Each structure stands twice: as structure tokens, then as C-alpha cells.
């Protein structure tokens, strides 16, 4: 993470443990949703939920 800003390094660390496809889907999805929604989705997907399951749960609990 050398040469990255703190925010960029933090985002990269959040995505660790996800596949490239999941990371790209979340990046594209983040244009439409807030930080709380996205952080919850990342947490859920790392725990084994699919994208759809994580999104549905984040919408129910956080909205945005």
C-alpha cells in the first residue's frame, strides 16, 4: 500500500478477502449507495453472503 493515500489504503484493506469480481461489483454499486450500506455489504460478503443477500440485508437494516 506504499504510495497510497490513507483513504485509498483503507479502501484496499476493506476489499481484502473478496474476489476481483466481487470487488468490481461493489465498486460499481457504491455509486448508488452510501458508506454505511457499502461497509455492511462488504462485511456480509466476507462472511459468506452472496451479493444479492448482502444487498437485501443492507437495504433492510441501513437503507441508502
C-alpha atoms as a PDB file:
ATOM      1  CA  UNK A   1       0.000   0.000   0.000  1.00  0.00           C
ATOM      2  CA  UNK A   2       3.076   2.167  -0.288  1.00  0.00           C
ATOM      3  CA  UNK A   3       2.421   5.439  -2.084  1.00  0.00           C
ATOM      4  CA  UNK A   4      -1.346   5.356  -1.428  1.00  0.00           C
ATOM      5  CA  UNK A   5      -3.276   7.933   0.496  1.00  0.00           C
ATOM      6  CA  UNK A   6      -4.700   6.805   3.828  1.00  0.00           C
ATOM      7  CA  UNK A   7      -8.229   6.672   2.377  1.00  0.00           C
ATOM      8  CA  UNK A   8      -7.154   4.612  -0.651  1.00  0.00           C
ATOM      9  CA  UNK A   9      -5.185   2.196   1.531  1.00  0.00           C
ATOM     10  CA  UNK A  10      -8.177   1.844   3.843  1.00  0.00           C
ATOM     11  CA  UNK A  11     -10.485   1.006   0.913  1.00  0.00           C
ATOM     12  CA  UNK A  12      -7.984  -1.557  -0.393  1.00  0.00           C
ATOM     13  CA  UNK A  13      -7.809  -3.192   3.041  1.00  0.00           C
ATOM     14  CA  UNK A  14     -11.624  -3.415   3.187  1.00  0.00           C
ATOM     15  CA  UNK A  15     -11.676  -5.315  -0.113  1.00  0.00           C
ATOM     16  CA  UNK A  16      -9.128  -7.929   1.014  1.00  0.00           C
ATOM     17  CA  UNK A  17     -10.736 -11.331   1.169  1.00  0.00           C
ATOM     18  CA  UNK A  18     -13.118 -10.664  -1.718  1.00  0.00           C
ATOM     19  CA  UNK A  19     -12.682 -11.884  -5.278  1.00  0.00           C
ATOM     20  CA  UNK A  20     -11.820  -9.420  -8.047  1.00  0.00           C
ATOM     21  CA  UNK A  21     -15.338  -9.847  -9.422  1.00  0.00           C
ATOM     22  CA  UNK A  22     -16.912  -9.061  -6.042  1.00  0.00           C
ATOM     23  CA  UNK A  23     -14.667  -6.013  -5.578  1.00  0.00           C
ATOM     24  CA  UNK A  24     -15.604  -4.651  -9.018  1.00  0.00           C
ATOM     25  CA  UNK A  25     -19.317  -5.250  -8.403  1.00  0.00           C
ATOM     26  CA  UNK A  26     -19.099  -3.420  -5.079  1.00  0.00           C
ATOM     27  CA  UNK A  27     -17.149  -0.529  -6.616  1.00  0.00           C
ATOM     28  CA  UNK A  28     -19.796  -0.091  -9.322  1.00  0.00           C
ATOM     29  CA  UNK A  29     -22.578  -0.477  -6.745  1.00  0.00           C
ATOM     30  CA  UNK A  30     -21.051   2.190  -4.479  1.00  0.00           C
ATOM     31  CA  UNK A  31     -22.041   4.898  -6.971  1.00  0.00           C
ATOM     32  CA  UNK A  32     -25.649   4.355  -5.889  1.00  0.00           C
ATOM     33  CA  UNK A  33     -25.310   3.771  -2.136  1.00  0.00           C
ATOM     34  CA  UNK A  34     -23.752   5.366   0.951  1.00  0.00           C
ATOM     35  CA  UNK A  35     -20.780   4.310   3.078  1.00  0.00           C
ATOM     36  CA  UNK A  36     -22.832   2.546   5.773  1.00  0.00           C
ATOM     37  CA  UNK A  37     -24.626   0.455   3.169  1.00  0.00           C
ATOM     38  CA  UNK A  38     -21.374  -0.471   1.445  1.00  0.00           C
ATOM     39  CA  UNK A  39     -19.499  -1.335   4.638  1.00  0.00           C
ATOM     40  CA  UNK A  40     -22.309  -3.612   5.714  1.00  0.00           C
ATOM     41  CA  UNK A  41     -22.328  -5.321   2.310  1.00  0.00           C
ATOM     42  CA  UNK A  42     -18.549  -5.869   2.448  1.00  0.00           C
ATOM     43  CA  UNK A  43     -18.841  -7.332   5.959  1.00  0.00           C
ATOM     44  CA  UNK A  44     -21.688  -9.641   4.903  1.00  0.00           C
ATOM     45  CA  UNK A  45     -19.913 -10.819   1.744  1.00  0.00           C
ATOM     46  CA  UNK A  46     -16.726 -11.586   3.678  1.00  0.00           C
ATOM     47  CA  UNK A  47     -18.895 -13.699   5.992  1.00  0.00           C
ATOM     48  CA  UNK A  48     -20.121 -15.717   3.009  1.00  0.00           C
ATOM     49  CA  UNK A  49     -23.269 -13.955   1.790  1.00  0.00           C
ATOM     50  CA  UNK A  50     -23.849 -13.506  -1.918  1.00  0.00           C
ATOM     51  CA  UNK A  51     -24.025 -10.011  -3.409  1.00  0.00           C
ATOM     52  CA  UNK A  52     -27.833 -10.190  -3.542  1.00  0.00           C
ATOM     53  CA  UNK A  53     -28.169 -11.453   0.021  1.00  0.00           C
ATOM     54  CA  UNK A  54     -25.789  -8.779   1.315  1.00  0.00           C
ATOM     55  CA  UNK A  55     -27.626  -6.047  -0.585  1.00  0.00           C
ATOM     56  CA  UNK A  56     -31.025  -7.137   0.666  1.00  0.00           C
ATOM     57  CA  UNK A  57     -29.808  -7.213   4.276  1.00  0.00           C
ATOM     58  CA  UNK A  58     -28.074  -3.822   3.959  1.00  0.00           C
ATOM     59  CA  UNK A  59     -31.217  -2.261   2.480  1.00  0.00           C
ATOM     60  CA  UNK A  60     -33.345  -3.658   5.314  1.00  0.00           C
ATOM     61  CA  UNK A  61     -31.002  -2.538   8.112  1.00  0.00           C
ATOM     62  CA  UNK A  62     -29.310   0.591   6.756  1.00  0.00           C
ATOM     63  CA  UNK A  63     -31.203   1.682   3.669  1.00  0.00           C
ATOM     64  CA  UNK A  64     -29.404   4.251   1.486  1.00  0.00           C
END
